[in-house]
Amino acid sequence: MHIMDTRPSFPSWWRAGALAYTAAGVVCVVSSAAFPQSEMAMLAAIAGALPWSLALLTLDLAPGVAQTALLLLAGSWTVNAGLLWWRALRHATHRRPAQDG
């Protein structure tokens, strides 16, 4: 006798969360680049890029540090979004029920 798994193959909120995080990351990084004097945009970008944004503490205060920090934040958001999308799509394929031999 075969028992069908009636649960969805993955929770739809993972995709919604990954999409929201990706959109927020694009907004935060672009607004930080467009308005470099905005402290709120930079704080939002740093907070959303955690834990990778802690690498900002290693940067020296030299010319070009703002561009380096922005690249680091964009990379951090990309890694976090990639991990969320990986999690959201990991169970996207429907699992086949176990067959009794």
PDB file of N, CA and C in Angstrom:
ATOM      1  N   MET A   1       0.849  -1.173   0.000  1.00  0.00           N
ATOM      2  CA  MET A   1       0.000   0.000   0.000  1.00  0.00           C
ATOM      3  C   MET A   1       0.900   1.243   0.000  1.00  0.00           C
ATOM      4  N   HIS A   2       0.579   2.187  -0.863  1.00  0.00           N
ATOM      5  CA  HIS A   2       1.343   3.425  -0.967  1.00  0.00           C
ATOM      6  C   HIS A   2       0.651   4.524  -0.173  1.00  0.00           C
ATOM      7  N   ILE A   3       1.447   5.264   0.560  1.00  0.00           N
ATOM      8  CA  ILE A   3       0.908   6.392   1.320  1.00  0.00           C
ATOM      9  C   ILE A   3       1.435   7.667   0.669  1.00  0.00           C
ATOM     10  N   MET A   4       0.528   8.500   0.250  1.00  0.00           N
ATOM     11  CA  MET A   4       0.919   9.760  -0.390  1.00  0.00           C
ATOM     12  C   MET A   4       1.208  10.800   0.686  1.00  0.00           C
ATOM     13  N   ASP A   5       2.262  11.560   0.486  1.00  0.00           N
ATOM     14  CA  ASP A   5       2.604  12.660   1.377  1.00  0.00           C
ATOM     15  C   ASP A   5       1.781  13.867   0.937  1.00  0.00           C
ATOM     16  N   THR A   6       0.836  14.294   1.784  1.00  0.00           N
ATOM     17  CA  THR A   6      -0.064  15.388   1.408  1.00  0.00           C
ATOM     18  C   THR A   6       0.482  16.752   1.775  1.00  0.00           C
ATOM     19  N   ARG A   7       1.624  16.778   2.454  1.00  0.00           N
ATOM     20  CA  ARG A   7       2.221  18.061   2.790  1.00  0.00           C
ATOM     21  C   ARG A   7       2.782  18.705   1.527  1.00  0.00           C
ATOM     22  N   PRO A   8       2.792  20.050   1.481  1.00  0.00           N
ATOM     23  CA  PRO A   8       3.430  20.678   0.331  1.00  0.00           C
ATOM     24  C   PRO A   8       4.913  20.334   0.313  1.00  0.00           C
ATOM     25  N   SER A   9       5.516  20.323  -0.870  1.00  0.00           N
ATOM     26  CA  SER A   9       6.906  19.905  -0.975  1.00  0.00           C
ATOM     27  C   SER A   9       7.851  20.891  -0.301  1.00  0.00           C
ATOM     28  N   PHE A  10       7.452  22.143  -0.149  1.00  0.00           N
ATOM     29  CA  PHE A  10       8.241  23.125   0.583  1.00  0.00           C
ATOM     30  C   PHE A  10       7.291  24.223   1.038  1.00  0.00           C
ATOM     31  N   PRO A  11       7.588  24.879   2.152  1.00  0.00           N
ATOM     32  CA  PRO A  11       6.730  25.960   2.603  1.00  0.00           C
ATOM     33  C   PRO A  11       6.838  27.162   1.665  1.00  0.00           C
ATOM     34  N   SER A  12       5.711  27.681   1.239  1.00  0.00           N
ATOM     35  CA  SER A  12       5.721  28.794   0.296  1.00  0.00           C
ATOM     36  C   SER A  12       6.286  30.058   0.929  1.00  0.00           C
ATOM     37  N   TRP A  13       6.291  30.144   2.229  1.00  0.00           N
ATOM     38  CA  TRP A  13       6.814  31.349   2.867  1.00  0.00           C
ATOM     39  C   TRP A  13       8.317  31.464   2.718  1.00  0.00           C
ATOM     40  N   TRP A  14       9.011  30.370   2.432  1.00  0.00           N
ATOM     41  CA  TRP A  14      10.454  30.462   2.171  1.00  0.00           C
ATOM     42  C   TRP A  14      10.716  31.260   0.906  1.00  0.00           C
ATOM     43  N   ARG A  15       9.925  30.982  -0.134  1.00  0.00           N
ATOM     44  CA  ARG A  15      10.076  31.742  -1.380  1.00  0.00           C
ATOM     45  C   ARG A  15       9.695  33.201  -1.177  1.00  0.00           C
ATOM     46  N   ALA A  16       8.624  33.429  -0.457  1.00  0.00           N
ATOM     47  CA  ALA A  16       8.199  34.810  -0.198  1.00  0.00           C
ATOM     48  C   ALA A  16       9.260  35.556   0.609  1.00  0.00           C
ATOM     49  N   GLY A  17       9.836  34.892   1.591  1.00  0.00           N
ATOM     50  CA  GLY A  17      10.889  35.504   2.400  1.00  0.00           C
ATOM     51  C   GLY A  17      12.139  35.785   1.587  1.00  0.00           C
ATOM     52  N   ALA A  18      12.521  34.836   0.729  1.00  0.00           N
ATOM     53  CA  ALA A  18      13.705  35.032  -0.117  1.00  0.00           C
ATOM     54  C   ALA A  18      13.485  36.177  -1.091  1.00  0.00           C
ATOM     55  N   LEU A  19      12.293  36.255  -1.655  1.00  0.00           N
ATOM     56  CA  LEU A  19      11.984  37.345  -2.577  1.00  0.00           C
ATOM     57  C   LEU A  19      11.985  38.692  -1.862  1.00  0.00           C
ATOM     58  N   ALA A  20      11.391  38.746  -0.682  1.00  0.00           N
ATOM     59  CA  ALA A  20      11.367  39.995   0.090  1.00  0.00           C
ATOM     60  C   ALA A  20      12.777  40.412   0.499  1.00  0.00           C
ATOM     61  N   TYR A  21      13.583  39.456   0.938  1.00  0.00           N
ATOM     62  CA  TYR A  21      14.955  39.776   1.346  1.00  0.00           C
ATOM     63  C   TYR A  21      15.780  40.264   0.162  1.00  0.00           C
ATOM     64  N   THR A  22      15.612  39.620  -0.991  1.00  0.00           N
ATOM     65  CA  THR A  22      16.342  40.038  -2.187  1.00  0.00           C
ATOM     66  C   THR A  22      15.948  41.451  -2.589  1.00  0.00           C
ATOM     67  N   ALA A  23      14.634  41.739  -2.588  1.00  0.00           N
ATOM     68  CA  ALA A  23      14.170  43.082  -2.947  1.00  0.00           C
ATOM     69  C   ALA A  23      14.666  44.124  -1.949  1.00  0.00           C
ATOM     70  N   ALA A  24      14.622  43.805  -0.670  1.00  0.00           N
ATOM     71  CA  ALA A  24      15.107  44.738   0.354  1.00  0.00           C
ATOM     72  C   ALA A  24      16.606  44.968   0.197  1.00  0.00           C
ATOM     73  N   GLY A  25      17.345  43.938  -0.147  1.00  0.00           N
ATOM     74  CA  GLY A  25      18.778  44.075  -0.353  1.00  0.00           C
ATOM     75  C   GLY A  25      19.102  44.989  -1.518  1.00  0.00           C
ATOM     76  N   VAL A  26      18.373  44.833  -2.610  1.00  0.00           N
ATOM     77  CA  VAL A  26      18.588  45.711  -3.766  1.00  0.00           C
ATOM     78  C   VAL A  26      18.283  47.155  -3.389  1.00  0.00           C
ATOM     79  N   VAL A  27      17.178  47.377  -2.686  1.00  0.00           N
ATOM     80  CA  VAL A  27      16.808  48.737  -2.276  1.00  0.00           C
ATOM     81  C   VAL A  27      17.859  49.329  -1.337  1.00  0.00           C
ATOM     82  N   CYS A  28      18.294  48.554  -0.352  1.00  0.00           N
ATOM     83  CA  CYS A  28      19.274  49.060   0.620  1.00  0.00           C
ATOM     84  C   CYS A  28      20.616  49.370  -0.017  1.00  0.00           C
ATOM     85  N   VAL A  29      21.107  48.481  -0.841  1.00  0.00           N
ATOM     86  CA  VAL A  29      22.421  48.701  -1.453  1.00  0.00           C
ATOM     87  C   VAL A  29      22.363  49.837  -2.466  1.00  0.00           C
ATOM     88  N   VAL A  30      21.307  49.879  -3.272  1.00  0.00           N
ATOM     89  CA  VAL A  30      21.187  50.963  -4.260  1.00  0.00           C
ATOM     90  C   VAL A  30      20.993  52.305  -3.565  1.00  0.00           C
ATOM     91  N   SER A  31      20.187  52.347  -2.510  1.00  0.00           N
ATOM     92  CA  SER A  31      19.992  53.619  -1.806  1.00  0.00           C
ATOM     93  C   SER A  31      21.265  54.058  -1.085  1.00  0.00           C
ATOM     94  N   SER A  32      22.052  53.107  -0.607  1.00  0.00           N
ATOM     95  CA  SER A  32      23.330  53.465   0.013  1.00  0.00           C
ATOM     96  C   SER A  32      24.296  54.031  -1.025  1.00  0.00           C
ATOM     97  N   ALA A  33      24.243  53.501  -2.237  1.00  0.00           N
ATOM     98  CA  ALA A  33      25.105  54.008  -3.299  1.00  0.00           C
ATOM     99  C   ALA A  33      24.611  55.350  -3.819  1.00  0.00           C
ATOM    100  N   ALA A  34      23.294  55.503  -3.924  1.00  0.00           N
ATOM    101  CA  ALA A  34      22.728  56.737  -4.467  1.00  0.00           C
ATOM    102  C   ALA A  34      22.788  57.887  -3.471  1.00  0.00           C
ATOM    103  N   PHE A  35      22.616  57.582  -2.211  1.00  0.00           N
ATOM    104  CA  PHE A  35      22.614  58.613  -1.163  1.00  0.00           C
ATOM    105  C   PHE A  35      23.653  58.264  -0.102  1.00  0.00           C
ATOM    106  N   PRO A  36      24.941  58.464  -0.407  1.00  0.00           N
ATOM    107  CA  PRO A  36      25.982  58.048   0.537  1.00  0.00           C
ATOM    108  C   PRO A  36      25.957  58.815   1.855  1.00  0.00           C
ATOM    109  N   GLN A  37      25.322  59.961   1.897  1.00  0.00           N
ATOM    110  CA  GLN A  37      25.266  60.735   3.133  1.00  0.00           C
ATOM    111  C   GLN A  37      24.147  60.245   4.069  1.00  0.00           C
ATOM    112  N   SER A  38      23.298  59.356   3.586  1.00  0.00           N
ATOM    113  CA  SER A  38      22.185  58.856   4.391  1.00  0.00           C
ATOM    114  C   SER A  38      22.665  57.787   5.371  1.00  0.00           C
ATOM    115  N   GLU A  39      22.631  58.129   6.645  1.00  0.00           N
ATOM    116  CA  GLU A  39      23.052  57.173   7.668  1.00  0.00           C
ATOM    117  C   GLU A  39      22.056  56.033   7.812  1.00  0.00           C
ATOM    118  N   MET A  40      20.771  56.342   7.637  1.00  0.00           N
ATOM    119  CA  MET A  40      19.739  55.316   7.812  1.00  0.00           C
ATOM    120  C   MET A  40      19.852  54.228   6.742  1.00  0.00           C
ATOM    121  N   ALA A  41      20.131  54.627   5.503  1.00  0.00           N
ATOM    122  CA  ALA A  41      20.278  53.638   4.430  1.00  0.00           C
ATOM    123  C   ALA A  41      21.483  52.745   4.694  1.00  0.00           C
ATOM    124  N   MET A  42      22.560  53.337   5.167  1.00  0.00           N
ATOM    125  CA  MET A  42      23.764  52.546   5.442  1.00  0.00           C
ATOM    126  C   MET A  42      23.546  51.605   6.626  1.00  0.00           C
ATOM    127  N   LEU A  43      22.867  52.070   7.663  1.00  0.00           N
ATOM    128  CA  LEU A  43      22.589  51.203   8.813  1.00  0.00           C
ATOM    129  C   LEU A  43      21.683  50.041   8.420  1.00  0.00           C
ATOM    130  N   ALA A  44      20.689  50.307   7.569  1.00  0.00           N
ATOM    131  CA  ALA A  44      19.808  49.234   7.105  1.00  0.00           C
ATOM    132  C   ALA A  44      20.591  48.230   6.266  1.00  0.00           C
ATOM    133  N   ALA A  45      21.493  48.721   5.433  1.00  0.00           N
ATOM    134  CA  ALA A  45      22.307  47.821   4.607  1.00  0.00           C
ATOM    135  C   ALA A  45      23.236  46.981   5.475  1.00  0.00           C
ATOM    136  N   ILE A  46      23.817  47.583   6.484  1.00  0.00           N
ATOM    137  CA  ILE A  46      24.719  46.848   7.384  1.00  0.00           C
ATOM    138  C   ILE A  46      23.947  45.807   8.187  1.00  0.00           C
ATOM    139  N   ALA A  47      22.802  46.180   8.724  1.00  0.00           N
ATOM    140  CA  ALA A  47      22.006  45.249   9.532  1.00  0.00           C
ATOM    141  C   ALA A  47      21.507  44.072   8.704  1.00  0.00           C
ATOM    142  N   GLY A  48      21.081  44.336   7.486  1.00  0.00           N
ATOM    143  CA  GLY A  48      20.561  43.267   6.640  1.00  0.00           C
ATOM    144  C   GLY A  48      21.633  42.333   6.123  1.00  0.00           C
ATOM    145  N   ALA A  49      22.870  42.799   6.104  1.00  0.00           N
ATOM    146  CA  ALA A  49      23.972  41.991   5.576  1.00  0.00           C
ATOM    147  C   ALA A  49      24.683  41.191   6.667  1.00  0.00           C
ATOM    148  N   LEU A  50      24.197  41.242   7.894  1.00  0.00           N
ATOM    149  CA  LEU A  50      24.817  40.467   8.964  1.00  0.00           C
ATOM    150  C   LEU A  50      24.754  38.990   8.640  1.00  0.00           C
ATOM    151  N   PRO A  51      25.651  38.194   9.049  1.00  0.00           N
ATOM    152  CA  PRO A  51      26.837  38.405   9.858  1.00  0.00           C
ATOM    153  C   PRO A  51      28.047  38.841   9.041  1.00  0.00           C
ATOM    154  N   TRP A  52      27.926  38.798   7.706  1.00  0.00           N
ATOM    155  CA  TRP A  52      29.077  39.105   6.843  1.00  0.00           C
ATOM    156  C   TRP A  52      29.506  40.562   6.948  1.00  0.00           C
ATOM    157  N   SER A  53      28.594  41.465   7.284  1.00  0.00           N
ATOM    158  CA  SER A  53      28.946  42.880   7.345  1.00  0.00           C
ATOM    159  C   SER A  53      29.889  43.186   8.508  1.00  0.00           C
ATOM    160  N   LEU A  54      30.085  42.252   9.405  1.00  0.00           N
ATOM    161  CA  LEU A  54      31.061  42.456  10.480  1.00  0.00           C
ATOM    162  C   LEU A  54      32.481  42.597   9.924  1.00  0.00           C
ATOM    163  N   ALA A  55      32.685  42.180   8.700  1.00  0.00           N
ATOM    164  CA  ALA A  55      33.985  42.356   8.056  1.00  0.00           C
ATOM    165  C   ALA A  55      34.302  43.825   7.818  1.00  0.00           C
ATOM    166  N   LEU A  56      33.306  44.696   7.916  1.00  0.00           N
ATOM    167  CA  LEU A  56      33.548  46.133   7.784  1.00  0.00           C
ATOM    168  C   LEU A  56      34.502  46.629   8.866  1.00  0.00           C
ATOM    169  N   LEU A  57      34.531  45.929   9.987  1.00  0.00           N
ATOM    170  CA  LEU A  57      35.416  46.329  11.082  1.00  0.00           C
ATOM    171  C   LEU A  57      36.890  46.182  10.724  1.00  0.00           C
ATOM    172  N   THR A  58      37.180  45.407   9.711  1.00  0.00           N
ATOM    173  CA  THR A  58      38.576  45.192   9.321  1.00  0.00           C
ATOM    174  C   THR A  58      39.084  46.228   8.329  1.00  0.00           C
ATOM    175  N   LEU A  59      38.202  47.077   7.818  1.00  0.00           N
ATOM    176  CA  LEU A  59      38.614  48.060   6.811  1.00  0.00           C
ATOM    177  C   LEU A  59      39.349  49.226   7.453  1.00  0.00           C
ATOM    178  N   ASP A  60      40.393  49.658   6.790  1.00  0.00           N
ATOM    179  CA  ASP A  60      41.114  50.855   7.238  1.00  0.00           C
ATOM    180  C   ASP A  60      40.410  52.089   6.699  1.00  0.00           C
ATOM    181  N   LEU A  61      40.540  53.191   7.408  1.00  0.00           N
ATOM    182  CA  LEU A  61      39.952  54.443   6.939  1.00  0.00           C
ATOM    183  C   LEU A  61      40.917  55.108   5.959  1.00  0.00           C
ATOM    184  N   ALA A  62      40.913  54.612   4.754  1.00  0.00           N
ATOM    185  CA  ALA A  62      41.772  55.117   3.692  1.00  0.00           C
ATOM    186  C   ALA A  62      40.883  55.597   2.549  1.00  0.00           C
ATOM    187  N   PRO A  63      41.454  56.331   1.607  1.00  0.00           N
ATOM    188  CA  PRO A  63      40.653  56.741   0.453  1.00  0.00           C
ATOM    189  C   PRO A  63      40.084  55.520  -0.266  1.00  0.00           C
ATOM    190  N   GLY A  64      38.831  55.607  -0.641  1.00  0.00           N
ATOM    191  CA  GLY A  64      38.170  54.502  -1.320  1.00  0.00           C
ATOM    192  C   GLY A  64      37.503  53.508  -0.398  1.00  0.00           C
ATOM    193  N   VAL A  65      37.504  53.777   0.905  1.00  0.00           N
ATOM    194  CA  VAL A  65      36.906  52.830   1.855  1.00  0.00           C
ATOM    195  C   VAL A  65      35.391  52.731   1.662  1.00  0.00           C
ATOM    196  N   ALA A  66      34.753  53.820   1.249  1.00  0.00           N
ATOM    197  CA  ALA A  66      33.303  53.787   1.055  1.00  0.00           C
ATOM    198  C   ALA A  66      32.923  52.841  -0.081  1.00  0.00           C
ATOM    199  N   GLN A  67      33.680  52.860  -1.173  1.00  0.00           N
ATOM    200  CA  GLN A  67      33.397  51.955  -2.284  1.00  0.00           C
ATOM    201  C   GLN A  67      33.655  50.503  -1.882  1.00  0.00           C
ATOM    202  N   THR A  68      34.718  50.292  -1.122  1.00  0.00           N
ATOM    203  CA  THR A  68      35.018  48.938  -0.651  1.00  0.00           C
ATOM    204  C   THR A  68      33.924  48.439   0.286  1.00  0.00           C
ATOM    205  N   ALA A  69      33.464  49.310   1.177  1.00  0.00           N
ATOM    206  CA  ALA A  69      32.401  48.930   2.106  1.00  0.00           C
ATOM    207  C   ALA A  69      31.112  48.617   1.352  1.00  0.00           C
ATOM    208  N   LEU A  70      30.797  49.404   0.330  1.00  0.00           N
ATOM    209  CA  LEU A  70      29.584  49.155  -0.444  1.00  0.00           C
ATOM    210  C   LEU A  70      29.675  47.830  -1.197  1.00  0.00           C
ATOM    211  N   LEU A  71      30.839  47.531  -1.746  1.00  0.00           N
ATOM    212  CA  LEU A  71      31.017  46.243  -2.411  1.00  0.00           C
ATOM    213  C   LEU A  71      30.898  45.089  -1.426  1.00  0.00           C
ATOM    214  N   LEU A  72      31.439  45.272  -0.238  1.00  0.00           N
ATOM    215  CA  LEU A  72      31.337  44.246   0.797  1.00  0.00           C
ATOM    216  C   LEU A  72      29.877  44.024   1.200  1.00  0.00           C
ATOM    217  N   LEU A  73      29.128  45.119   1.346  1.00  0.00           N
ATOM    218  CA  LEU A  73      27.716  44.992   1.706  1.00  0.00           C
ATOM    219  C   LEU A  73      26.909  44.327   0.591  1.00  0.00           C
ATOM    220  N   ALA A  74      27.180  44.715  -0.649  1.00  0.00           N
ATOM    221  CA  ALA A  74      26.473  44.095  -1.774  1.00  0.00           C
ATOM    222  C   ALA A  74      26.781  42.592  -1.836  1.00  0.00           C
ATOM    223  N   GLY A  75      28.033  42.235  -1.618  1.00  0.00           N
ATOM    224  CA  GLY A  75      28.390  40.815  -1.591  1.00  0.00           C
ATOM    225  C   GLY A  75      27.737  40.072  -0.444  1.00  0.00           C
ATOM    226  N   SER A  76      27.644  40.728   0.705  1.00  0.00           N
ATOM    227  CA  SER A  76      27.016  40.107   1.871  1.00  0.00           C
ATOM    228  C   SER A  76      25.538  39.856   1.629  1.00  0.00           C
ATOM    229  N   TRP A  77      24.848  40.836   1.070  1.00  0.00           N
ATOM    230  CA  TRP A  77      23.430  40.664   0.741  1.00  0.00           C
ATOM    231  C   TRP A  77      23.266  39.541  -0.284  1.00  0.00           C
ATOM    232  N   THR A  78      24.177  39.465  -1.234  1.00  0.00           N
ATOM    233  CA  THR A  78      24.095  38.428  -2.260  1.00  0.00           C
ATOM    234  C   THR A  78      24.264  37.039  -1.651  1.00  0.00           C
ATOM    235  N   VAL A  79      25.209  36.889  -0.756  1.00  0.00           N
ATOM    236  CA  VAL A  79      25.418  35.591  -0.094  1.00  0.00           C
ATOM    237  C   VAL A  79      24.185  35.209   0.720  1.00  0.00           C
ATOM    238  N   ASN A  80      23.664  36.149   1.512  1.00  0.00           N
ATOM    239  CA  ASN A  80      22.479  35.853   2.332  1.00  0.00           C
ATOM    240  C   ASN A  80      21.273  35.514   1.456  1.00  0.00           C
ATOM    241  N   ALA A  81      21.066  36.286   0.391  1.00  0.00           N
ATOM    242  CA  ALA A  81      19.935  36.011  -0.507  1.00  0.00           C
ATOM    243  C   ALA A  81      20.123  34.667  -1.199  1.00  0.00           C
ATOM    244  N   GLY A  82      21.348  34.368  -1.595  1.00  0.00           N
ATOM    245  CA  GLY A  82      21.616  33.075  -2.217  1.00  0.00           C
ATOM    246  C   GLY A  82      21.311  31.913  -1.290  1.00  0.00           C
ATOM    247  N   LEU A  83      21.672  32.064  -0.026  1.00  0.00           N
ATOM    248  CA  LEU A  83      21.363  31.014   0.953  1.00  0.00           C
ATOM    249  C   LEU A  83      19.860  30.859   1.165  1.00  0.00           C
ATOM    250  N   LEU A  84      19.152  31.980   1.204  1.00  0.00           N
ATOM    251  CA  LEU A  84      17.693  31.907   1.351  1.00  0.00           C
ATOM    252  C   LEU A  84      17.036  31.264   0.137  1.00  0.00           C
ATOM    253  N   TRP A  85      17.486  31.642  -1.071  1.00  0.00           N
ATOM    254  CA  TRP A  85      16.928  31.037  -2.276  1.00  0.00           C
ATOM    255  C   TRP A  85      17.273  29.557  -2.352  1.00  0.00           C
ATOM    256  N   TRP A  86      18.473  29.184  -1.949  1.00  0.00           N
ATOM    257  CA  TRP A  86      18.837  27.780  -1.938  1.00  0.00           C
ATOM    258  C   TRP A  86      17.891  27.001  -1.026  1.00  0.00           C
ATOM    259  N   ARG A  87      17.624  27.566   0.147  1.00  0.00           N
ATOM    260  CA  ARG A  87      16.717  26.912   1.095  1.00  0.00           C
ATOM    261  C   ARG A  87      15.302  26.847   0.540  1.00  0.00           C
ATOM    262  N   ALA A  88      14.871  27.929  -0.105  1.00  0.00           N
ATOM    263  CA  ALA A  88      13.509  27.976  -0.642  1.00  0.00           C
ATOM    264  C   ALA A  88      13.315  26.995  -1.794  1.00  0.00           C
ATOM    265  N   LEU A  89      14.341  26.812  -2.597  1.00  0.00           N
ATOM    266  CA  LEU A  89      14.202  25.968  -3.782  1.00  0.00           C
ATOM    267  C   LEU A  89      14.707  24.549  -3.587  1.00  0.00           C
ATOM    268  N   ARG A  90      15.276  24.291  -2.438  1.00  0.00           N
ATOM    269  CA  ARG A  90      15.854  22.965  -2.174  1.00  0.00           C
ATOM    270  C   ARG A  90      14.812  21.862  -2.267  1.00  0.00           C
ATOM    271  N   HIS A  91      13.635  22.121  -1.782  1.00  0.00           N
ATOM    272  CA  HIS A  91      12.573  21.108  -1.795  1.00  0.00           C
ATOM    273  C   HIS A  91      11.528  21.411  -2.856  1.00  0.00           C
ATOM    274  N   ALA A  92      11.929  22.106  -3.905  1.00  0.00           N
ATOM    275  CA  ALA A  92      10.970  22.500  -4.931  1.00  0.00           C
ATOM    276  C   ALA A  92      10.441  21.305  -5.720  1.00  0.00           C
ATOM    277  N   THR A  93      11.248  20.303  -5.872  1.00  0.00           N
ATOM    278  CA  THR A  93      10.778  19.122  -6.596  1.00  0.00           C
ATOM    279  C   THR A  93       9.944  18.261  -5.664  1.00  0.00           C
ATOM    280  N   HIS A  94       8.889  17.742  -6.188  1.00  0.00           N
ATOM    281  CA  HIS A  94       7.985  16.917  -5.373  1.00  0.00           C
ATOM    282  C   HIS A  94       8.658  15.582  -5.062  1.00  0.00           C
ATOM    283  N   ARG A  95       8.658  15.233  -3.805  1.00  0.00           N
ATOM    284  CA  ARG A  95       9.254  13.957  -3.394  1.00  0.00           C
ATOM    285  C   ARG A  95       8.308  12.819  -3.754  1.00  0.00           C
ATOM    286  N   ARG A  96       8.900  11.778  -4.272  1.00  0.00           N
ATOM    287  CA  ARG A  96       8.093  10.599  -4.590  1.00  0.00           C
ATOM    288  C   ARG A  96       7.842   9.803  -3.325  1.00  0.00           C
ATOM    289  N   PRO A  97       6.651   9.246  -3.185  1.00  0.00           N
ATOM    290  CA  PRO A  97       6.395   8.421  -1.996  1.00  0.00           C
ATOM    291  C   PRO A  97       7.209   7.144  -2.068  1.00  0.00           C
ATOM    292  N   ALA A  98       7.533   6.630  -0.902  1.00  0.00           N
ATOM    293  CA  ALA A  98       8.312   5.387  -0.818  1.00  0.00           C
ATOM    294  C   ALA A  98       7.483   4.233  -1.361  1.00  0.00           C
ATOM    295  N   GLN A  99       8.149   3.372  -2.122  1.00  0.00           N
ATOM    296  CA  GLN A  99       7.463   2.225  -2.672  1.00  0.00           C
ATOM    297  C   GLN A  99       7.727   1.006  -1.800  1.00  0.00           C
ATOM    298  N   ASP A 100       6.652   0.294  -1.545  1.00  0.00           N
ATOM    299  CA  ASP A 100       6.790  -0.936  -0.767  1.00  0.00           C
ATOM    300  C   ASP A 100       7.223  -2.054  -1.697  1.00  0.00           C
ATOM    301  N   GLY A 101       8.201  -2.811  -1.285  1.00  0.00           N
ATOM    302  CA  GLY A 101       8.733  -3.885  -2.123  1.00  0.00           C
ATOM    303  C   GLY A 101       7.993  -5.101  -2.015  1.00  0.00           C
TER     304      GLY A 101
END
